[in-house]
Amino acid sequence: MNGLRIVFMGTPEFAVATLGALMMNGFNVVGVVTAPDKPAGRGRKISKSAVKEFAEISYLPVMQPESLRDPLFISQLRELNADLFIVVAFRMLPELIWKMPRIGTINLHASLLPDYRGAAPINHAIIRGEKTTGVTTFFIDEKIDTGKILLKEKIRISPVENAGDIHDKLMKLGARVVIKTIHDLALNRISPTDQENLLKPGVPAKTAPKIHPEFCFVDWNNDAVQIYNFIRGLSPYPCAKSFFKNESRSVSFKIHESYPEVEHHNLLPGTIISDSRHFLKIACRNVFIFVTSIQLEGKTKMSTVEFLRGFRICDYSIAVSSPV
C-alpha cells in the first residue's frame, strides 16, 4: 500500500495538512503540483504557495504549470507513472489529467457532499446557519464536486465558531480522512456512492459559489441571527462589510466579530447606537448586532473599545450596505 506512487496537487495552507499526513504515514509522494509563484502584498514580492514551501523543505519535486494543458507538463506528469492523484484545494483538472492514474484521482472537499459543492463550502455552511459540516473524499469526474463519494466524516459547528475556526478543524480532519480513504481503497473496503443517490427527490443540493466582494456587504434589514451568521461565515476573511454614513460622507469598515443582542426596538435598520467609548451596536430588523471587533478601510483590526478611542462614531448616524 505505501508503495503506491502518489502525486499530490494543492495550493493553500488547507492542503498542507494532507500532504504532511501523506509524508508522516510513509506514502510514496513522487511529485507535487501547485500554483505558480506570484506577486503578493504591498511590495508585490514574489510569493510561493503554502504547498510549495512545505514540498521544498520535504525535498519533494515540485511542478508549477501555468496551464494544466501544457504538453510539457502533461509529459512530465505521465513520466511519474503515478497510481493515484490526491487533490486538495486546487484548480479544476482536465479529463486528460484526472483519468491518468491507474486507481484514479481523489479530491478532498470541505463539506458533506452533495451539499455545498463549489469554491467556498465552509463560508456558505456557516452563513446558512448549519449546525454540522464535514469533509468528503470522492473520485473526480468531468464536473465540479460531483464524482462518486468514497468517505465522509462530520463535525459540529458551534454557534460561536467562525469560518476560520471551522477551516482549521476541517483541515486536520480532512488529512485523516484522506489517509483512511487510501487505506480503505487499497483493501477494497470502499464502495463508491453516486451523489445523485443521496439527493432527495425535488430538493436541489445547497451550493457554495465563490465569494465575490459585492457579496460581502451586510444587509441591515435582515434579522439578527442572519446577520450574525453572515459575519462569522466571512470571518476572518474576506469579512462582512458596511459603511458608516452621515449627510456628507461615508466610511467603509469590516466586522470581524459580533453577537446578537436581544433588545427589541422601533429603530430603522442600520441605526447606530454607541456611548462613543465602550460599545457599538447597530439596529437590524428585530434586535441589535453588537460589534466587538472592527476594521476601518486601510487600518488594522481592533476591538471596539480601541476603535472608539480614535474614531468619532457620534459623527455618523447609520450603517448602510452601500455608500451611495
C-alpha atoms as a PDB file:
ATOM      1  CA  MET A   1       0.000   0.000   0.000  1.00  0.00           C
ATOM      2  CA  ASN A   2       2.726   2.503   0.913  1.00  0.00           C
ATOM      3  CA  GLY A   3       4.363   1.513  -2.372  1.00  0.00           C
ATOM      4  CA  LEU A   4       1.648   3.371  -4.273  1.00  0.00           C
ATOM      5  CA  ARG A   5       3.091   6.160  -6.383  1.00  0.00           C
ATOM      6  CA  ILE A   6       1.161   9.313  -5.447  1.00  0.00           C
ATOM      7  CA  VAL A   7       1.113  12.774  -6.999  1.00  0.00           C
ATOM      8  CA  PHE A   8      -0.301  15.481  -4.740  1.00  0.00           C
ATOM      9  CA  MET A   9      -1.999  18.615  -6.094  1.00  0.00           C
ATOM     10  CA  GLY A  10      -2.867  21.610  -3.923  1.00  0.00           C
ATOM     11  CA  THR A  11      -2.043  25.209  -3.165  1.00  0.00           C
ATOM     12  CA  PRO A  12      -3.152  26.837   0.137  1.00  0.00           C
ATOM     13  CA  GLU A  13      -2.476  26.075   3.788  1.00  0.00           C
ATOM     14  CA  PHE A  14      -5.597  23.868   3.909  1.00  0.00           C
ATOM     15  CA  ALA A  15      -3.840  21.416   1.575  1.00  0.00           C
ATOM     16  CA  VAL A  16      -0.573  21.287   3.541  1.00  0.00           C
ATOM     17  CA  ALA A  17      -2.040  19.188   6.350  1.00  0.00           C
ATOM     18  CA  THR A  18      -2.954  16.413   3.919  1.00  0.00           C
ATOM     19  CA  LEU A  19       0.437  16.475   2.204  1.00  0.00           C
ATOM     20  CA  GLY A  20       2.087  16.339   5.615  1.00  0.00           C
ATOM     21  CA  ALA A  21      -0.101  13.394   6.641  1.00  0.00           C
ATOM     22  CA  LEU A  22       0.898  11.501   3.489  1.00  0.00           C
ATOM     23  CA  MET A  23       4.558  12.016   4.345  1.00  0.00           C
ATOM     24  CA  MET A  24       4.125  11.107   8.031  1.00  0.00           C
ATOM     25  CA  ASN A  25       2.327   7.893   7.092  1.00  0.00           C
ATOM     26  CA  GLY A  26       5.137   6.822   4.789  1.00  0.00           C
ATOM     27  CA  PHE A  27       3.363   7.170   1.450  1.00  0.00           C
ATOM     28  CA  ASN A  28       5.475   7.479  -1.674  1.00  0.00           C
ATOM     29  CA  VAL A  29       4.758  11.022  -2.901  1.00  0.00           C
ATOM     30  CA  VAL A  30       6.591  11.167  -6.232  1.00  0.00           C
ATOM     31  CA  GLY A  31       5.586  14.702  -7.189  1.00  0.00           C
ATOM     32  CA  VAL A  32       3.716  17.826  -6.095  1.00  0.00           C
ATOM     33  CA  VAL A  33       1.734  20.118  -8.384  1.00  0.00           C
ATOM     34  CA  THR A  34       0.899  23.603  -7.142  1.00  0.00           C
ATOM     35  CA  ALA A  35       0.187  27.134  -8.368  1.00  0.00           C
ATOM     36  CA  PRO A  36       2.944  29.244  -9.928  1.00  0.00           C
ATOM     37  CA  ASP A  37       4.703  31.782  -7.724  1.00  0.00           C
ATOM     38  CA  LYS A  38       3.035  35.199  -7.886  1.00  0.00           C
ATOM     39  CA  PRO A  39       3.437  38.750  -6.528  1.00  0.00           C
ATOM     40  CA  ALA A  40       1.693  39.371  -3.199  1.00  0.00           C
ATOM     41  CA  GLY A  41       1.332  42.149  -0.642  1.00  0.00           C
ATOM     42  CA  ARG A  42       2.008  45.849  -0.953  1.00  0.00           C
ATOM     43  CA  GLY A  43       5.579  45.314  -2.071  1.00  0.00           C
ATOM     44  CA  ARG A  44       4.455  42.818  -4.751  1.00  0.00           C
ATOM     45  CA  LYS A  45       7.142  40.441  -3.571  1.00  0.00           C
ATOM     46  CA  ILE A  46       7.101  37.072  -5.341  1.00  0.00           C
ATOM     47  CA  SER A  47       5.360  34.582  -3.053  1.00  0.00           C
ATOM     48  CA  LYS A  48       5.338  30.788  -3.032  1.00  0.00           C
ATOM     49  CA  SER A  49       2.224  28.767  -2.261  1.00  0.00           C
ATOM     50  CA  ALA A  50       1.991  27.133   1.165  1.00  0.00           C
ATOM     51  CA  VAL A  51       2.165  23.728  -0.522  1.00  0.00           C
ATOM     52  CA  LYS A  52       5.345  24.621  -2.417  1.00  0.00           C
ATOM     53  CA  GLU A  53       7.045  25.827   0.770  1.00  0.00           C
ATOM     54  CA  PHE A  54       6.224  22.547   2.516  1.00  0.00           C
ATOM     55  CA  ALA A  55       7.236  20.439  -0.502  1.00  0.00           C
ATOM     56  CA  GLU A  56      10.611  22.161  -0.754  1.00  0.00           C
ATOM     57  CA  ILE A  57      11.524  21.580   2.887  1.00  0.00           C
ATOM     58  CA  SER A  58      10.384  17.968   2.441  1.00  0.00           C
ATOM     59  CA  TYR A  59      12.624  17.561  -0.656  1.00  0.00           C
ATOM     60  CA  LEU A  60       9.688  16.721  -2.910  1.00  0.00           C
ATOM     61  CA  PRO A  61       9.824  17.528  -6.646  1.00  0.00           C
ATOM     62  CA  VAL A  62       7.503  20.424  -7.486  1.00  0.00           C
ATOM     63  CA  MET A  63       5.744  21.292 -10.742  1.00  0.00           C
ATOM     64  CA  GLN A  64       4.064  24.699 -11.252  1.00  0.00           C
ATOM     65  CA  PRO A  65       2.395  24.763 -14.652  1.00  0.00           C
ATOM     66  CA  GLU A  66       0.796  27.978 -15.876  1.00  0.00           C
ATOM     67  CA  SER A  67      -1.576  25.805 -17.893  1.00  0.00           C
ATOM     68  CA  LEU A  68      -2.676  22.322 -16.921  1.00  0.00           C
ATOM     69  CA  ARG A  69      -2.908  21.519 -20.634  1.00  0.00           C
ATOM     70  CA  ASP A  70       0.715  22.394 -21.345  1.00  0.00           C
ATOM     71  CA  PRO A  71       2.192  19.446 -23.303  1.00  0.00           C
ATOM     72  CA  LEU A  72       5.496  19.551 -21.413  1.00  0.00           C
ATOM     73  CA  PHE A  73       3.695  19.424 -18.039  1.00  0.00           C
ATOM     74  CA  ILE A  74       1.475  16.551 -19.168  1.00  0.00           C
ATOM     75  CA  SER A  75       4.525  14.661 -20.388  1.00  0.00           C
ATOM     76  CA  GLN A  76       6.315  15.195 -17.058  1.00  0.00           C
ATOM     77  CA  LEU A  77       3.214  14.056 -15.183  1.00  0.00           C
ATOM     78  CA  ARG A  78       2.984  10.869 -17.242  1.00  0.00           C
ATOM     79  CA  GLU A  79       6.641  10.082 -16.603  1.00  0.00           C
ATOM     80  CA  LEU A  80       5.911   9.939 -12.860  1.00  0.00           C
ATOM     81  CA  ASN A  81       3.801   6.826 -13.538  1.00  0.00           C
ATOM     82  CA  ALA A  82       1.503   7.586 -10.603  1.00  0.00           C
ATOM     83  CA  ASP A  83      -1.040   5.093  -9.287  1.00  0.00           C
ATOM     84  CA  LEU A  84      -3.091   7.812  -7.617  1.00  0.00           C
ATOM     85  CA  PHE A  85      -3.538  11.591  -7.666  1.00  0.00           C
ATOM     86  CA  ILE A  86      -4.653  13.362  -4.475  1.00  0.00           C
ATOM     87  CA  VAL A  87      -6.196  16.810  -4.977  1.00  0.00           C
ATOM     88  CA  VAL A  88      -6.874  19.305  -2.167  1.00  0.00           C
ATOM     89  CA  ALA A  89      -7.890  22.917  -2.859  1.00  0.00           C
ATOM     90  CA  PHE A  90      -6.583  23.085  -6.408  1.00  0.00           C
ATOM     91  CA  ARG A  91      -7.802  24.021  -9.871  1.00  0.00           C
ATOM     92  CA  MET A  92     -10.320  22.075 -11.930  1.00  0.00           C
ATOM     93  CA  LEU A  93      -8.427  19.342 -13.762  1.00  0.00           C
ATOM     94  CA  PRO A  94      -8.807  18.491 -17.448  1.00  0.00           C
ATOM     95  CA  GLU A  95     -10.116  14.988 -18.135  1.00  0.00           C
ATOM     96  CA  LEU A  96      -6.765  14.097 -19.678  1.00  0.00           C
ATOM     97  CA  ILE A  97      -5.177  14.534 -16.254  1.00  0.00           C
ATOM     98  CA  TRP A  98      -7.740  13.109 -13.820  1.00  0.00           C
ATOM     99  CA  LYS A  99      -8.032   9.947 -15.895  1.00  0.00           C
ATOM    100  CA  MET A 100      -4.255   9.458 -15.962  1.00  0.00           C
ATOM    101  CA  PRO A 101      -3.530   7.428 -12.775  1.00  0.00           C
ATOM    102  CA  ARG A 102      -4.319   3.713 -12.566  1.00  0.00           C
ATOM    103  CA  ILE A 103      -6.546   3.954  -9.460  1.00  0.00           C
ATOM    104  CA  GLY A 104      -7.991   7.386 -10.180  1.00  0.00           C
ATOM    105  CA  THR A 105      -7.915  10.938  -8.844  1.00  0.00           C
ATOM    106  CA  ILE A 106      -9.259  11.643  -5.337  1.00  0.00           C
ATOM    107  CA  ASN A 107     -10.445  15.068  -4.222  1.00  0.00           C
ATOM    108  CA  LEU A 108     -10.943  16.236  -0.631  1.00  0.00           C
ATOM    109  CA  HIS A 109     -13.852  18.675  -0.271  1.00  0.00           C
ATOM    110  CA  ALA A 110     -14.689  20.686   2.860  1.00  0.00           C
ATOM    111  CA  SER A 111     -18.386  19.832   3.037  1.00  0.00           C
ATOM    112  CA  LEU A 112     -20.711  16.874   3.286  1.00  0.00           C
ATOM    113  CA  LEU A 113     -21.374  16.337  -0.405  1.00  0.00           C
ATOM    114  CA  PRO A 114     -23.613  16.594  -2.329  1.00  0.00           C
ATOM    115  CA  ASP A 115     -24.373  19.770  -0.355  1.00  0.00           C
ATOM    116  CA  TYR A 116     -22.111  22.802  -0.727  1.00  0.00           C
ATOM    117  CA  ARG A 117     -20.399  21.965  -3.968  1.00  0.00           C
ATOM    118  CA  GLY A 118     -18.244  24.901  -5.020  1.00  0.00           C
ATOM    119  CA  ALA A 119     -15.356  27.142  -4.039  1.00  0.00           C
ATOM    120  CA  ALA A 120     -16.486  28.351  -0.594  1.00  0.00           C
ATOM    121  CA  PRO A 121     -18.211  25.497   1.276  1.00  0.00           C
ATOM    122  CA  ILE A 122     -17.098  26.495   4.774  1.00  0.00           C
ATOM    123  CA  ASN A 123     -18.285  30.091   4.413  1.00  0.00           C
ATOM    124  CA  HIS A 124     -21.666  29.210   2.959  1.00  0.00           C
ATOM    125  CA  ALA A 125     -22.412  26.478   5.509  1.00  0.00           C
ATOM    126  CA  ILE A 126     -21.940  28.932   8.384  1.00  0.00           C
ATOM    127  CA  ILE A 127     -23.796  31.753   6.607  1.00  0.00           C
ATOM    128  CA  ARG A 128     -26.790  29.431   6.207  1.00  0.00           C
ATOM    129  CA  GLY A 129     -26.686  28.581   9.906  1.00  0.00           C
ATOM    130  CA  GLU A 130     -25.773  24.911   9.546  1.00  0.00           C
ATOM    131  CA  LYS A 131     -25.221  23.023  12.803  1.00  0.00           C
ATOM    132  CA  THR A 132     -22.924  20.438  11.202  1.00  0.00           C
ATOM    133  CA  THR A 133     -20.478  20.181   8.340  1.00  0.00           C
ATOM    134  CA  GLY A 134     -17.593  17.887   7.482  1.00  0.00           C
ATOM    135  CA  VAL A 135     -15.318  16.604   4.750  1.00  0.00           C
ATOM    136  CA  THR A 136     -15.828  14.277   1.801  1.00  0.00           C
ATOM    137  CA  THR A 137     -13.401  12.339  -0.358  1.00  0.00           C
ATOM    138  CA  PHE A 138     -14.563  11.454  -3.861  1.00  0.00           C
ATOM    139  CA  PHE A 139     -13.321  10.428  -7.291  1.00  0.00           C
ATOM    140  CA  ILE A 140     -13.038  13.423  -9.606  1.00  0.00           C
ATOM    141  CA  ASP A 141     -15.155  13.355 -12.753  1.00  0.00           C
ATOM    142  CA  GLU A 142     -15.923  15.826 -15.545  1.00  0.00           C
ATOM    143  CA  LYS A 143     -17.994  18.212 -13.392  1.00  0.00           C
ATOM    144  CA  ILE A 144     -17.142  20.196 -10.239  1.00  0.00           C
ATOM    145  CA  ASP A 145     -17.528  18.226  -6.982  1.00  0.00           C
ATOM    146  CA  THR A 146     -19.957  15.680  -8.470  1.00  0.00           C
ATOM    147  CA  GLY A 147     -17.888  12.480  -8.525  1.00  0.00           C
ATOM    148  CA  LYS A 148     -18.579   9.243  -6.661  1.00  0.00           C
ATOM    149  CA  ILE A 149     -18.208   9.606  -2.896  1.00  0.00           C
ATOM    150  CA  LEU A 150     -15.642   7.498  -1.066  1.00  0.00           C
ATOM    151  CA  LEU A 151     -15.749   8.613   2.584  1.00  0.00           C
ATOM    152  CA  LYS A 152     -17.449  11.350   4.630  1.00  0.00           C
ATOM    153  CA  GLU A 153     -16.912  12.495   8.201  1.00  0.00           C
ATOM    154  CA  LYS A 154     -18.981  15.010  10.129  1.00  0.00           C
ATOM    155  CA  ILE A 155     -18.239  17.652  12.784  1.00  0.00           C
ATOM    156  CA  ARG A 156     -20.456  20.012  14.760  1.00  0.00           C
ATOM    157  CA  ILE A 157     -20.428  23.777  14.127  1.00  0.00           C
ATOM    158  CA  SER A 158     -20.617  25.659  17.417  1.00  0.00           C
ATOM    159  CA  PRO A 159     -22.753  28.846  17.404  1.00  0.00           C
ATOM    160  CA  VAL A 160     -19.652  30.867  18.297  1.00  0.00           C
ATOM    161  CA  GLU A 161     -17.284  29.442  15.672  1.00  0.00           C
ATOM    162  CA  ASN A 162     -16.391  31.386  12.546  1.00  0.00           C
ATOM    163  CA  ALA A 163     -15.114  30.283   9.141  1.00  0.00           C
ATOM    164  CA  GLY A 164     -11.506  30.377  10.338  1.00  0.00           C
ATOM    165  CA  ASP A 165     -12.260  28.043  13.247  1.00  0.00           C
ATOM    166  CA  ILE A 166     -14.033  25.515  11.027  1.00  0.00           C
ATOM    167  CA  HIS A 167     -11.307  25.793   8.356  1.00  0.00           C
ATOM    168  CA  ASP A 168      -8.694  24.702  10.889  1.00  0.00           C
ATOM    169  CA  LYS A 169     -10.821  21.815  12.157  1.00  0.00           C
ATOM    170  CA  LEU A 170     -11.613  20.526   8.678  1.00  0.00           C
ATOM    171  CA  MET A 171      -8.005  20.910   7.572  1.00  0.00           C
ATOM    172  CA  LYS A 172      -6.936  18.385  10.230  1.00  0.00           C
ATOM    173  CA  LEU A 173      -9.972  16.154   9.820  1.00  0.00           C
ATOM    174  CA  GLY A 174      -9.539  16.127   6.045  1.00  0.00           C
ATOM    175  CA  ALA A 175      -5.954  14.932   6.320  1.00  0.00           C
ATOM    176  CA  ARG A 176      -7.064  11.971   8.442  1.00  0.00           C
ATOM    177  CA  VAL A 177      -9.931  11.109   6.107  1.00  0.00           C
ATOM    178  CA  VAL A 178      -7.659  11.137   3.038  1.00  0.00           C
ATOM    179  CA  ILE A 179      -5.283   8.679   4.733  1.00  0.00           C
ATOM    180  CA  LYS A 180      -8.209   6.437   5.694  1.00  0.00           C
ATOM    181  CA  THR A 181      -9.563   6.662   2.135  1.00  0.00           C
ATOM    182  CA  ILE A 182      -6.272   5.466   0.653  1.00  0.00           C
ATOM    183  CA  HIS A 183      -6.043   2.586   3.149  1.00  0.00           C
ATOM    184  CA  ASP A 184      -9.641   1.508   2.519  1.00  0.00           C
ATOM    185  CA  LEU A 185      -9.253   1.737  -1.263  1.00  0.00           C
ATOM    186  CA  ALA A 186      -6.144  -0.402  -1.150  1.00  0.00           C
ATOM    187  CA  LEU A 187      -8.007  -3.032   0.912  1.00  0.00           C
ATOM    188  CA  ASN A 188     -11.178  -2.855  -1.257  1.00  0.00           C
ATOM    189  CA  ARG A 189     -13.246  -1.690   1.712  1.00  0.00           C
ATOM    190  CA  ILE A 190     -14.974   1.192  -0.108  1.00  0.00           C
ATOM    191  CA  SER A 191     -17.949   1.048  -2.454  1.00  0.00           C
ATOM    192  CA  PRO A 192     -18.071   4.446  -4.204  1.00  0.00           C
ATOM    193  CA  THR A 193     -21.517   6.065  -3.974  1.00  0.00           C
ATOM    194  CA  ASP A 194     -23.204   8.148  -6.679  1.00  0.00           C
ATOM    195  CA  GLN A 195     -24.042  11.569  -5.282  1.00  0.00           C
ATOM    196  CA  GLU A 196     -27.391  11.543  -7.065  1.00  0.00           C
ATOM    197  CA  ASN A 197     -28.436   8.660  -4.792  1.00  0.00           C
ATOM    198  CA  LEU A 198     -28.020  10.948  -1.775  1.00  0.00           C
ATOM    199  CA  LEU A 199     -30.280  13.724  -3.055  1.00  0.00           C
ATOM    200  CA  LYS A 200     -33.919  13.858  -2.022  1.00  0.00           C
ATOM    201  CA  PRO A 201     -36.318  13.953  -4.988  1.00  0.00           C
ATOM    202  CA  GLY A 202     -37.146  17.544  -5.879  1.00  0.00           C
ATOM    203  CA  VAL A 203     -34.693  19.005  -3.344  1.00  0.00           C
ATOM    204  CA  PRO A 204     -31.624  20.556  -5.019  1.00  0.00           C
ATOM    205  CA  ALA A 205     -28.242  20.401  -3.320  1.00  0.00           C
ATOM    206  CA  LYS A 206     -27.121  23.535  -1.498  1.00  0.00           C
ATOM    207  CA  THR A 207     -24.346  25.325  -3.336  1.00  0.00           C
ATOM    208  CA  ALA A 208     -21.179  27.172  -2.298  1.00  0.00           C
ATOM    209  CA  PRO A 209     -20.147  29.555  -5.081  1.00  0.00           C
ATOM    210  CA  LYS A 210     -17.034  31.678  -4.968  1.00  0.00           C
ATOM    211  CA  ILE A 211     -17.437  34.735  -2.754  1.00  0.00           C
ATOM    212  CA  HIS A 212     -17.089  37.998  -4.661  1.00  0.00           C
ATOM    213  CA  PRO A 213     -16.548  41.403  -2.973  1.00  0.00           C
ATOM    214  CA  GLU A 214     -20.097  42.595  -3.647  1.00  0.00           C
ATOM    215  CA  PHE A 215     -21.485  39.583  -1.758  1.00  0.00           C
ATOM    216  CA  CYS A 216     -19.832  40.693   1.491  1.00  0.00           C
ATOM    217  CA  PHE A 217     -21.980  43.729   2.324  1.00  0.00           C
ATOM    218  CA  VAL A 218     -24.299  43.396   5.320  1.00  0.00           C
ATOM    219  CA  ASP A 219     -27.995  43.949   4.718  1.00  0.00           C
ATOM    220  CA  TRP A 220     -29.191  45.506   7.976  1.00  0.00           C
ATOM    221  CA  ASN A 221     -32.804  44.757   7.015  1.00  0.00           C
ATOM    222  CA  ASN A 222     -32.176  41.086   7.802  1.00  0.00           C
ATOM    223  CA  ASP A 223     -32.752  39.683  11.274  1.00  0.00           C
ATOM    224  CA  ALA A 224     -30.000  39.474  13.876  1.00  0.00           C
ATOM    225  CA  VAL A 225     -29.339  35.732  13.533  1.00  0.00           C
ATOM    226  CA  GLN A 226     -28.966  36.002   9.743  1.00  0.00           C
ATOM    227  CA  ILE A 227     -26.533  38.888  10.098  1.00  0.00           C
ATOM    228  CA  TYR A 228     -24.581  37.199  12.893  1.00  0.00           C
ATOM    229  CA  ASN A 229     -24.175  34.036  10.789  1.00  0.00           C
ATOM    230  CA  PHE A 230     -23.192  36.162   7.796  1.00  0.00           C
ATOM    231  CA  ILE A 231     -20.480  37.935   9.814  1.00  0.00           C
ATOM    232  CA  ARG A 232     -18.963  34.778  11.297  1.00  0.00           C
ATOM    233  CA  GLY A 233     -19.273  32.973   7.960  1.00  0.00           C
ATOM    234  CA  LEU A 234     -16.995  35.605   6.377  1.00  0.00           C
ATOM    235  CA  SER A 235     -14.555  35.942   9.288  1.00  0.00           C
ATOM    236  CA  PRO A 236     -11.575  36.230   9.342  1.00  0.00           C
ATOM    237  CA  TYR A 237     -11.546  36.583   5.554  1.00  0.00           C
ATOM    238  CA  PRO A 238     -12.850  38.255   3.422  1.00  0.00           C
ATOM    239  CA  CYS A 239     -15.028  39.771   6.211  1.00  0.00           C
ATOM    240  CA  ALA A 240     -18.503  41.249   6.234  1.00  0.00           C
ATOM    241  CA  LYS A 241     -18.504  44.910   5.195  1.00  0.00           C
ATOM    242  CA  SER A 242     -20.624  48.002   5.688  1.00  0.00           C
ATOM    243  CA  PHE A 243     -20.352  51.797   5.677  1.00  0.00           C
ATOM    244  CA  PHE A 244     -20.765  54.392   8.408  1.00  0.00           C
ATOM    245  CA  LYS A 245     -22.721  57.216   6.801  1.00  0.00           C
ATOM    246  CA  ASN A 246     -23.885  60.757   7.510  1.00  0.00           C
ATOM    247  CA  GLU A 247     -25.218  63.551   5.300  1.00  0.00           C
ATOM    248  CA  SER A 248     -21.834  64.358   3.776  1.00  0.00           C
ATOM    249  CA  ARG A 249     -19.651  61.245   3.749  1.00  0.00           C
ATOM    250  CA  SER A 250     -19.356  57.501   4.232  1.00  0.00           C
ATOM    251  CA  VAL A 251     -16.557  55.346   5.683  1.00  0.00           C
ATOM    252  CA  SER A 252     -16.052  51.671   4.842  1.00  0.00           C
ATOM    253  CA  PHE A 253     -15.480  49.125   7.612  1.00  0.00           C
ATOM    254  CA  LYS A 254     -15.254  45.367   8.160  1.00  0.00           C
ATOM    255  CA  ILE A 255     -16.797  43.450  11.049  1.00  0.00           C
ATOM    256  CA  HIS A 256     -14.646  40.635  12.384  1.00  0.00           C
ATOM    257  CA  GLU A 257     -16.643  39.672  15.471  1.00  0.00           C
ATOM    258  CA  SER A 258     -20.114  40.375  16.788  1.00  0.00           C
ATOM    259  CA  TYR A 259     -23.073  38.887  18.619  1.00  0.00           C
ATOM    260  CA  PRO A 260     -26.844  39.404  18.565  1.00  0.00           C
ATOM    261  CA  GLU A 261     -28.224  41.461  21.433  1.00  0.00           C
ATOM    262  CA  VAL A 262     -31.835  40.711  22.335  1.00  0.00           C
ATOM    263  CA  GLU A 263     -33.257  44.174  22.873  1.00  0.00           C
ATOM    264  CA  HIS A 264     -36.297  44.967  20.762  1.00  0.00           C
ATOM    265  CA  HIS A 265     -36.647  48.412  19.219  1.00  0.00           C
ATOM    266  CA  ASN A 266     -38.537  50.546  16.703  1.00  0.00           C
ATOM    267  CA  LEU A 267     -35.432  51.999  15.047  1.00  0.00           C
ATOM    268  CA  LEU A 268     -34.662  51.941  11.356  1.00  0.00           C
ATOM    269  CA  PRO A 269     -32.305  49.098  10.362  1.00  0.00           C
ATOM    270  CA  GLY A 270     -28.739  50.391  10.307  1.00  0.00           C
ATOM    271  CA  THR A 271     -29.222  52.907  13.116  1.00  0.00           C
ATOM    272  CA  ILE A 272     -26.010  53.236  15.164  1.00  0.00           C
ATOM    273  CA  ILE A 273     -26.165  53.160  18.964  1.00  0.00           C
ATOM    274  CA  SER A 274     -22.968  53.873  20.936  1.00  0.00           C
ATOM    275  CA  ASP A 275     -21.697  55.622  24.048  1.00  0.00           C
ATOM    276  CA  SER A 276     -18.588  56.572  21.969  1.00  0.00           C
ATOM    277  CA  ARG A 277     -16.353  54.790  24.487  1.00  0.00           C
ATOM    278  CA  HIS A 278     -17.275  51.210  25.325  1.00  0.00           C
ATOM    279  CA  PHE A 279     -19.834  49.759  22.947  1.00  0.00           C
ATOM    280  CA  LEU A 280     -21.155  49.910  19.407  1.00  0.00           C
ATOM    281  CA  LYS A 281     -24.332  48.257  18.268  1.00  0.00           C
ATOM    282  CA  ILE A 282     -26.304  48.506  15.048  1.00  0.00           C
ATOM    283  CA  ALA A 283     -30.040  48.052  14.660  1.00  0.00           C
ATOM    284  CA  CYS A 284     -31.241  45.288  12.387  1.00  0.00           C
ATOM    285  CA  ARG A 285     -34.736  44.067  11.608  1.00  0.00           C
ATOM    286  CA  ASN A 286     -35.703  42.872  15.054  1.00  0.00           C
ATOM    287  CA  VAL A 287     -32.958  43.499  17.619  1.00  0.00           C
ATOM    288  CA  PHE A 288     -29.298  44.624  17.516  1.00  0.00           C
ATOM    289  CA  ILE A 289     -25.915  43.395  16.365  1.00  0.00           C
ATOM    290  CA  PHE A 290     -23.292  44.194  18.994  1.00  0.00           C
ATOM    291  CA  VAL A 291     -19.959  44.782  17.200  1.00  0.00           C
ATOM    292  CA  THR A 292     -16.924  43.623  19.211  1.00  0.00           C
ATOM    293  CA  SER A 293     -14.111  43.657  16.619  1.00  0.00           C
ATOM    294  CA  ILE A 294     -13.878  46.035  13.674  1.00  0.00           C
ATOM    295  CA  GLN A 295     -11.526  47.283  10.965  1.00  0.00           C
ATOM    296  CA  LEU A 296     -11.713  50.566   9.083  1.00  0.00           C
ATOM    297  CA  GLU A 297     -10.657  50.521   5.442  1.00  0.00           C
ATOM    298  CA  GLY A 298      -6.860  50.741   5.259  1.00  0.00           C
ATOM    299  CA  LYS A 299      -6.444  50.161   9.011  1.00  0.00           C
ATOM    300  CA  THR A 300      -5.740  47.143  11.208  1.00  0.00           C
ATOM    301  CA  LYS A 301      -8.283  45.035  13.058  1.00  0.00           C
ATOM    302  CA  MET A 302      -9.051  46.264  16.576  1.00  0.00           C
ATOM    303  CA  SER A 303     -11.500  45.816  19.418  1.00  0.00           C
ATOM    304  CA  THR A 304     -14.498  48.134  19.507  1.00  0.00           C
ATOM    305  CA  VAL A 305     -13.104  49.873  22.599  1.00  0.00           C
ATOM    306  CA  GLU A 306      -9.810  50.594  20.801  1.00  0.00           C
ATOM    307  CA  PHE A 307     -11.700  51.703  17.700  1.00  0.00           C
ATOM    308  CA  LEU A 308     -13.897  54.161  19.601  1.00  0.00           C
ATOM    309  CA  ARG A 309     -10.848  55.830  21.161  1.00  0.00           C
ATOM    310  CA  GLY A 310      -9.746  57.105  17.760  1.00  0.00           C
ATOM    311  CA  PHE A 311     -12.955  57.376  15.732  1.00  0.00           C
ATOM    312  CA  ARG A 312     -15.780  59.868  16.288  1.00  0.00           C
ATOM    313  CA  ILE A 313     -18.676  57.483  15.884  1.00  0.00           C
ATOM    314  CA  CYS A 314     -21.031  60.249  17.025  1.00  0.00           C
ATOM    315  CA  ASP A 315     -20.465  61.946  13.649  1.00  0.00           C
ATOM    316  CA  TYR A 316     -22.312  59.089  11.917  1.00  0.00           C
ATOM    317  CA  SER A 317     -25.943  58.114  12.263  1.00  0.00           C
ATOM    318  CA  ILE A 318     -26.415  54.946  10.209  1.00  0.00           C
ATOM    319  CA  ALA A 319     -24.641  51.910   8.807  1.00  0.00           C
ATOM    320  CA  VAL A 320     -25.520  51.026   5.210  1.00  0.00           C
ATOM    321  CA  SER A 321     -24.634  48.353   2.664  1.00  0.00           C
ATOM    322  CA  SER A 322     -23.665  50.904   0.029  1.00  0.00           C
ATOM    323  CA  PRO A 323     -22.001  54.345   0.275  1.00  0.00           C
ATOM    324  CA  VAL A 324     -24.490  55.799  -2.226  1.00  0.00           C
END
